[in-house]
Every structure is written in structure tokens, then in C-alpha cells.
Amino acid sequence: MPPLPQLAPLDAQDAALATELHALLQQAYMQEALLLGVDPSQFPPLQHPVHALQTGGEDWIGAWQEGQLVGALSLHADADDEAVGCIGALGVLPSEQRRGVATLLLHAALSRQGLGRPVSAQLALANAPALALFAQAGFKEWRRWSEPMAGQRLRFVKLLRRPS
């Protein structure tokens, strides 16, 4: 098994990094669309252009393995409460999954937020691997809802990890 990737802040305003990040997220979101049974051509995250990453204002953490971006996570203030940090995106190249990259990124994000600040995340209920990852990190269900997406109603859950 290769060594764990190196983590570093990722400047999504940099055109070359934004392009690499976009390519990674497209692969991760394609996999998620298929997992959820959603037509990828109608899956909103797959419609985001590169420039949306450059102007989104999120803080990104990247995971690099031998010079290649293999995972990334974004953080921003939660829309429901600015005192709560929110994980906006977490993607790992399909070829690098099940190697601890997402766990490493998630723990780095939680450390970055500090022990005294709650952190949230929103997930599709059908995304069992992501739900398990967040549960292992101490996230608990906060609320559920459903919304139309790609010709069907998808169920979502908002998770919250309170300070310990």
C-alpha cells in the first residue's frame, strides 16, 4: 500500500489547480450519481463549471500522492448558522478510494475548524459510504428532507458534529 498522501491548502483561484480539482470532482460526482441512481447528465454537481470553483469562496484542502491531486475537501460557513463550519465537498479519485484519503481529509478539516466549533455536512441518504465515514468521525443526524433532482425525489440528511 502506498504511503498516505500529503495534505496542503489548495488555492482554487489558481487556474491550473482549479482545472485539476474540477477533473477530480467530476470523477467523484459521476460515481456518486451512479450510486444514487441518478442520470449523470441531470446531476447538479456535474454541471458546475471550473470557474465556479475559482469564485466559490470556499477553503480547500488537497491530498496529493506523487504529485497528483487524489482528494479534496472544501469548507465554508454553514448557511443555517455562520458559527458552524460546513463541509461543502469531499471527493476522492475512484482509483484512490478505500485507502484512507477521505478520512485523512475529514480529520484535517476538523482540526482546522478547531475543537470548539461545530461542523456540518449534507449528504444523500443513499450514499452509504459517505454516511459511514461521517458517523465514524462523530457526526450525528441533525435533520432530513427530500427534494426533486434529476426527475426523482432524493432524500438528504444534514449531519452535525458538535465540539467534544
C-alpha atoms as a PDB file:
ATOM      1  CA  MET A   1       0.000   0.000   0.000  1.00  0.00           C
ATOM      2  CA  PRO A   2       1.441   3.428  -0.904  1.00  0.00           C
ATOM      3  CA  PRO A   3       2.150   5.961   1.842  1.00  0.00           C
ATOM      4  CA  LEU A   4      -0.613   8.346   2.860  1.00  0.00           C
ATOM      5  CA  PRO A   5      -0.931  11.401   0.635  1.00  0.00           C
ATOM      6  CA  GLN A   6       0.401  14.786   1.637  1.00  0.00           C
ATOM      7  CA  LEU A   7      -2.218  17.365   2.645  1.00  0.00           C
ATOM      8  CA  ALA A   8      -1.946  21.058   1.857  1.00  0.00           C
ATOM      9  CA  PRO A   9      -4.221  24.048   1.314  1.00  0.00           C
ATOM     10  CA  LEU A  10      -5.466  24.137  -2.264  1.00  0.00           C
ATOM     11  CA  ASP A  11      -5.829  27.521  -3.975  1.00  0.00           C
ATOM     12  CA  ALA A  12      -8.892  27.042  -6.190  1.00  0.00           C
ATOM     13  CA  GLN A  13      -8.375  30.520  -7.666  1.00  0.00           C
ATOM     14  CA  ASP A  14      -5.272  29.204  -9.435  1.00  0.00           C
ATOM     15  CA  ALA A  15      -6.458  28.183 -12.927  1.00  0.00           C
ATOM     16  CA  ALA A  16      -4.288  25.057 -13.199  1.00  0.00           C
ATOM     17  CA  LEU A  17      -5.236  23.821  -9.716  1.00  0.00           C
ATOM     18  CA  ALA A  18      -8.914  24.605 -10.313  1.00  0.00           C
ATOM     19  CA  THR A  19      -8.815  22.554 -13.524  1.00  0.00           C
ATOM     20  CA  GLU A  20      -7.201  19.611 -11.716  1.00  0.00           C
ATOM     21  CA  LEU A  21      -9.697  19.928  -8.854  1.00  0.00           C
ATOM     22  CA  HIS A  22     -12.615  20.072 -11.289  1.00  0.00           C
ATOM     23  CA  ALA A  23     -11.435  16.893 -13.040  1.00  0.00           C
ATOM     24  CA  LEU A  24     -11.179  15.085  -9.682  1.00  0.00           C
ATOM     25  CA  LEU A  25     -14.640  16.239  -8.586  1.00  0.00           C
ATOM     26  CA  GLN A  26     -16.181  15.253 -11.922  1.00  0.00           C
ATOM     27  CA  GLN A  27     -14.950  11.682 -11.412  1.00  0.00           C
ATOM     28  CA  ALA A  28     -16.152  11.593  -7.806  1.00  0.00           C
ATOM     29  CA  TYR A  29     -19.565  13.099  -8.645  1.00  0.00           C
ATOM     30  CA  MET A  30     -20.018  10.725 -11.590  1.00  0.00           C
ATOM     31  CA  GLN A  31     -19.506   7.843  -9.198  1.00  0.00           C
ATOM     32  CA  GLU A  32     -21.955   9.411  -6.704  1.00  0.00           C
ATOM     33  CA  ALA A  33     -24.617   9.919  -9.391  1.00  0.00           C
ATOM     34  CA  LEU A  34     -24.394   6.246 -10.343  1.00  0.00           C
ATOM     35  CA  LEU A  35     -24.518   5.212  -6.667  1.00  0.00           C
ATOM     36  CA  LEU A  36     -27.671   7.303  -6.186  1.00  0.00           C
ATOM     37  CA  GLY A  37     -29.274   6.003  -9.381  1.00  0.00           C
ATOM     38  CA  VAL A  38     -29.385   9.496 -10.877  1.00  0.00           C
ATOM     39  CA  ASP A  39     -28.838  10.267 -14.558  1.00  0.00           C
ATOM     40  CA  PRO A  40     -25.375  11.901 -14.544  1.00  0.00           C
ATOM     41  CA  SER A  41     -26.449  14.383 -17.221  1.00  0.00           C
ATOM     42  CA  GLN A  42     -29.018  15.730 -14.738  1.00  0.00           C
ATOM     43  CA  PHE A  43     -26.910  15.560 -11.550  1.00  0.00           C
ATOM     44  CA  PRO A  44     -26.347  19.192 -10.450  1.00  0.00           C
ATOM     45  CA  PRO A  45     -22.790  18.776  -9.090  1.00  0.00           C
ATOM     46  CA  LEU A  46     -21.689  17.522 -12.509  1.00  0.00           C
ATOM     47  CA  GLN A  47     -22.954  20.753 -14.090  1.00  0.00           C
ATOM     48  CA  HIS A  48     -20.635  23.072 -12.124  1.00  0.00           C
ATOM     49  CA  PRO A  49     -18.025  24.707 -14.371  1.00  0.00           C
ATOM     50  CA  VAL A  50     -14.391  25.212 -13.393  1.00  0.00           C
ATOM     51  CA  HIS A  51     -14.869  28.938 -12.797  1.00  0.00           C
ATOM     52  CA  ALA A  52     -17.443  28.170 -10.076  1.00  0.00           C
ATOM     53  CA  LEU A  53     -14.606  26.599  -8.079  1.00  0.00           C
ATOM     54  CA  GLN A  54     -12.439  29.659  -8.635  1.00  0.00           C
ATOM     55  CA  THR A  55     -15.088  32.094  -7.431  1.00  0.00           C
ATOM     56  CA  GLY A  56     -16.855  29.966  -4.804  1.00  0.00           C
ATOM     57  CA  GLY A  57     -15.014  31.400  -1.818  1.00  0.00           C
ATOM     58  CA  GLU A  58     -14.551  28.027  -0.141  1.00  0.00           C
ATOM     59  CA  ASP A  59     -11.395  26.948   1.648  1.00  0.00           C
ATOM     60  CA  TRP A  60      -9.983  23.781   0.075  1.00  0.00           C
ATOM     61  CA  ILE A  61      -7.649  21.128   1.414  1.00  0.00           C
ATOM     62  CA  GLY A  62      -5.963  18.935  -1.190  1.00  0.00           C
ATOM     63  CA  ALA A  63      -4.436  15.474  -0.876  1.00  0.00           C
ATOM     64  CA  TRP A  64      -1.510  14.794  -3.209  1.00  0.00           C
ATOM     65  CA  GLN A  65       0.087  11.456  -3.989  1.00  0.00           C
ATOM     66  CA  GLU A  66       3.257  11.544  -6.093  1.00  0.00           C
ATOM     67  CA  GLY A  67       2.358  14.989  -7.460  1.00  0.00           C
ATOM     68  CA  GLN A  68      -1.231  14.068  -8.385  1.00  0.00           C
ATOM     69  CA  LEU A  69      -4.293  15.511  -6.672  1.00  0.00           C
ATOM     70  CA  VAL A  70      -6.114  12.418  -5.373  1.00  0.00           C
ATOM     71  CA  GLY A  71      -8.609  14.004  -2.991  1.00  0.00           C
ATOM     72  CA  ALA A  72     -10.020  17.342  -1.897  1.00  0.00           C
ATOM     73  CA  LEU A  73     -12.355  18.792   0.703  1.00  0.00           C
ATOM     74  CA  SER A  74     -13.946  22.232   0.916  1.00  0.00           C
ATOM     75  CA  LEU A  75     -15.038  24.209   3.955  1.00  0.00           C
ATOM     76  CA  HIS A  76     -17.304  27.225   4.314  1.00  0.00           C
ATOM     77  CA  ALA A  77     -19.720  28.722   6.828  1.00  0.00           C
ATOM     78  CA  ASP A  78     -22.965  26.789   7.221  1.00  0.00           C
ATOM     79  CA  ALA A  79     -25.933  28.505   5.555  1.00  0.00           C
ATOM     80  CA  ASP A  80     -28.097  27.892   8.648  1.00  0.00           C
ATOM     81  CA  ASP A  81     -25.566  29.227  11.166  1.00  0.00           C
ATOM     82  CA  GLU A  82     -22.341  31.056  10.304  1.00  0.00           C
ATOM     83  CA  ALA A  83     -20.814  29.936  13.622  1.00  0.00           C
ATOM     84  CA  VAL A  84     -20.917  26.374  12.258  1.00  0.00           C
ATOM     85  CA  GLY A  85     -18.335  25.214   9.747  1.00  0.00           C
ATOM     86  CA  CYS A  86     -19.678  23.222   6.799  1.00  0.00           C
ATOM     87  CA  ILE A  87     -18.007  20.626   4.633  1.00  0.00           C
ATOM     88  CA  GLY A  88     -19.176  21.616   1.184  1.00  0.00           C
ATOM     89  CA  ALA A  89     -17.481  18.947  -0.901  1.00  0.00           C
ATOM     90  CA  LEU A  90     -15.393  15.863  -0.306  1.00  0.00           C
ATOM     91  CA  GLY A  91     -14.106  13.953  -3.301  1.00  0.00           C
ATOM     92  CA  VAL A  92     -11.510  11.252  -3.845  1.00  0.00           C
ATOM     93  CA  LEU A  93     -10.445   9.779  -7.160  1.00  0.00           C
ATOM     94  CA  PRO A  94     -12.209   6.416  -7.563  1.00  0.00           C
ATOM     95  CA  SER A  95      -8.821   4.730  -8.059  1.00  0.00           C
ATOM     96  CA  GLU A  96      -7.671   6.038  -4.650  1.00  0.00           C
ATOM     97  CA  GLN A  97     -10.761   5.206  -2.602  1.00  0.00           C
ATOM     98  CA  ARG A  98     -10.642   2.834   0.370  1.00  0.00           C
ATOM     99  CA  ARG A  99      -7.087   3.939   1.135  1.00  0.00           C
ATOM    100  CA  GLY A 100      -7.848   6.419   3.922  1.00  0.00           C
ATOM    101  CA  VAL A 101      -7.732   9.602   1.813  1.00  0.00           C
ATOM    102  CA  ALA A 102     -11.254  10.791   2.728  1.00  0.00           C
ATOM    103  CA  THR A 103     -10.652  10.031   6.420  1.00  0.00           C
ATOM    104  CA  LEU A 104      -7.383  11.959   6.336  1.00  0.00           C
ATOM    105  CA  LEU A 105      -9.052  14.954   4.672  1.00  0.00           C
ATOM    106  CA  LEU A 106     -12.001  14.906   7.070  1.00  0.00           C
ATOM    107  CA  HIS A 107      -9.771  14.803  10.159  1.00  0.00           C
ATOM    108  CA  ALA A 108      -7.637  17.625   8.749  1.00  0.00           C
ATOM    109  CA  ALA A 109     -10.763  19.716   8.209  1.00  0.00           C
ATOM    110  CA  LEU A 110     -11.994  19.047  11.735  1.00  0.00           C
ATOM    111  CA  SER A 111      -8.590  20.028  13.151  1.00  0.00           C
ATOM    112  CA  ARG A 112      -8.618  23.175  11.046  1.00  0.00           C
ATOM    113  CA  GLN A 113     -12.048  24.154  12.392  1.00  0.00           C
ATOM    114  CA  GLY A 114     -10.825  23.833  15.967  1.00  0.00           C
ATOM    115  CA  LEU A 115     -12.184  21.805  18.844  1.00  0.00           C
ATOM    116  CA  GLY A 116     -14.716  24.420  19.896  1.00  0.00           C
ATOM    117  CA  ARG A 117     -16.580  24.843  16.612  1.00  0.00           C
ATOM    118  CA  PRO A 118     -19.353  22.564  15.370  1.00  0.00           C
ATOM    119  CA  VAL A 119     -19.117  21.267  11.800  1.00  0.00           C
ATOM    120  CA  SER A 120     -21.929  20.156   9.479  1.00  0.00           C
ATOM    121  CA  ALA A 121     -22.246  18.206   6.245  1.00  0.00           C
ATOM    122  CA  GLN A 122     -25.162  17.451   3.906  1.00  0.00           C
ATOM    123  CA  LEU A 123     -25.393  14.058   2.217  1.00  0.00           C
ATOM    124  CA  ALA A 124     -27.787  11.984   0.192  1.00  0.00           C
ATOM    125  CA  LEU A 125     -29.237   9.272   2.433  1.00  0.00           C
ATOM    126  CA  ALA A 126     -28.441   6.680  -0.238  1.00  0.00           C
ATOM    127  CA  ASN A 127     -24.705   7.463  -0.050  1.00  0.00           C
ATOM    128  CA  ALA A 128     -23.885   4.748   2.497  1.00  0.00           C
ATOM    129  CA  PRO A 129     -20.065   5.032   2.210  1.00  0.00           C
ATOM    130  CA  ALA A 130     -20.166   8.771   2.986  1.00  0.00           C
ATOM    131  CA  LEU A 131     -22.645   8.291   5.839  1.00  0.00           C
ATOM    132  CA  ALA A 132     -20.340   5.678   7.391  1.00  0.00           C
ATOM    133  CA  LEU A 133     -17.298   7.955   7.053  1.00  0.00           C
ATOM    134  CA  PHE A 134     -19.022  10.857   8.795  1.00  0.00           C
ATOM    135  CA  ALA A 135     -20.511   8.619  11.504  1.00  0.00           C
ATOM    136  CA  GLN A 136     -17.025   7.292  12.309  1.00  0.00           C
ATOM    137  CA  ALA A 137     -15.877  10.907  12.723  1.00  0.00           C
ATOM    138  CA  GLY A 138     -18.610  11.609  15.286  1.00  0.00           C
ATOM    139  CA  PHE A 139     -21.247  13.296  13.111  1.00  0.00           C
ATOM    140  CA  LYS A 140     -24.876  12.826  14.178  1.00  0.00           C
ATOM    141  CA  GLU A 141     -28.071  13.336  12.228  1.00  0.00           C
ATOM    142  CA  TRP A 142     -29.471  16.856  12.567  1.00  0.00           C
ATOM    143  CA  ARG A 143     -32.363  16.855  10.090  1.00  0.00           C
ATOM    144  CA  ARG A 144     -33.762  15.150   6.963  1.00  0.00           C
ATOM    145  CA  TRP A 145     -35.589  16.386   3.892  1.00  0.00           C
ATOM    146  CA  SER A 146     -36.239  15.448   0.286  1.00  0.00           C
ATOM    147  CA  GLU A 147     -36.066  17.466  -2.895  1.00  0.00           C
ATOM    148  CA  PRO A 148     -36.542  16.884  -6.606  1.00  0.00           C
ATOM    149  CA  MET A 149     -33.378  16.066  -8.510  1.00  0.00           C
ATOM    150  CA  ALA A 150     -32.862  14.569 -11.938  1.00  0.00           C
ATOM    151  CA  GLY A 151     -36.505  13.526 -12.338  1.00  0.00           C
ATOM    152  CA  GLN A 152     -36.878  11.927  -8.902  1.00  0.00           C
ATOM    153  CA  ARG A 153     -37.076  12.862  -5.239  1.00  0.00           C
ATOM    154  CA  LEU A 154     -33.858  12.315  -3.360  1.00  0.00           C
ATOM    155  CA  ARG A 155     -33.676  12.145   0.420  1.00  0.00           C
ATOM    156  CA  PHE A 156     -30.944  14.091   2.179  1.00  0.00           C
ATOM    157  CA  VAL A 157     -29.599  14.335   5.693  1.00  0.00           C
ATOM    158  CA  LYS A 158     -27.765  17.151   7.402  1.00  0.00           C
ATOM    159  CA  LEU A 159     -25.197  15.906   9.881  1.00  0.00           C
ATOM    160  CA  LEU A 160     -23.621  17.821  12.732  1.00  0.00           C
ATOM    161  CA  ARG A 161     -20.512  17.181  14.761  1.00  0.00           C
ATOM    162  CA  ARG A 162     -20.621  19.132  17.989  1.00  0.00           C
ATOM    163  CA  PRO A 163     -17.482  20.075  19.903  1.00  0.00           C
ATOM    164  CA  SER A 164     -16.375  17.439  22.383  1.00  0.00           C
END
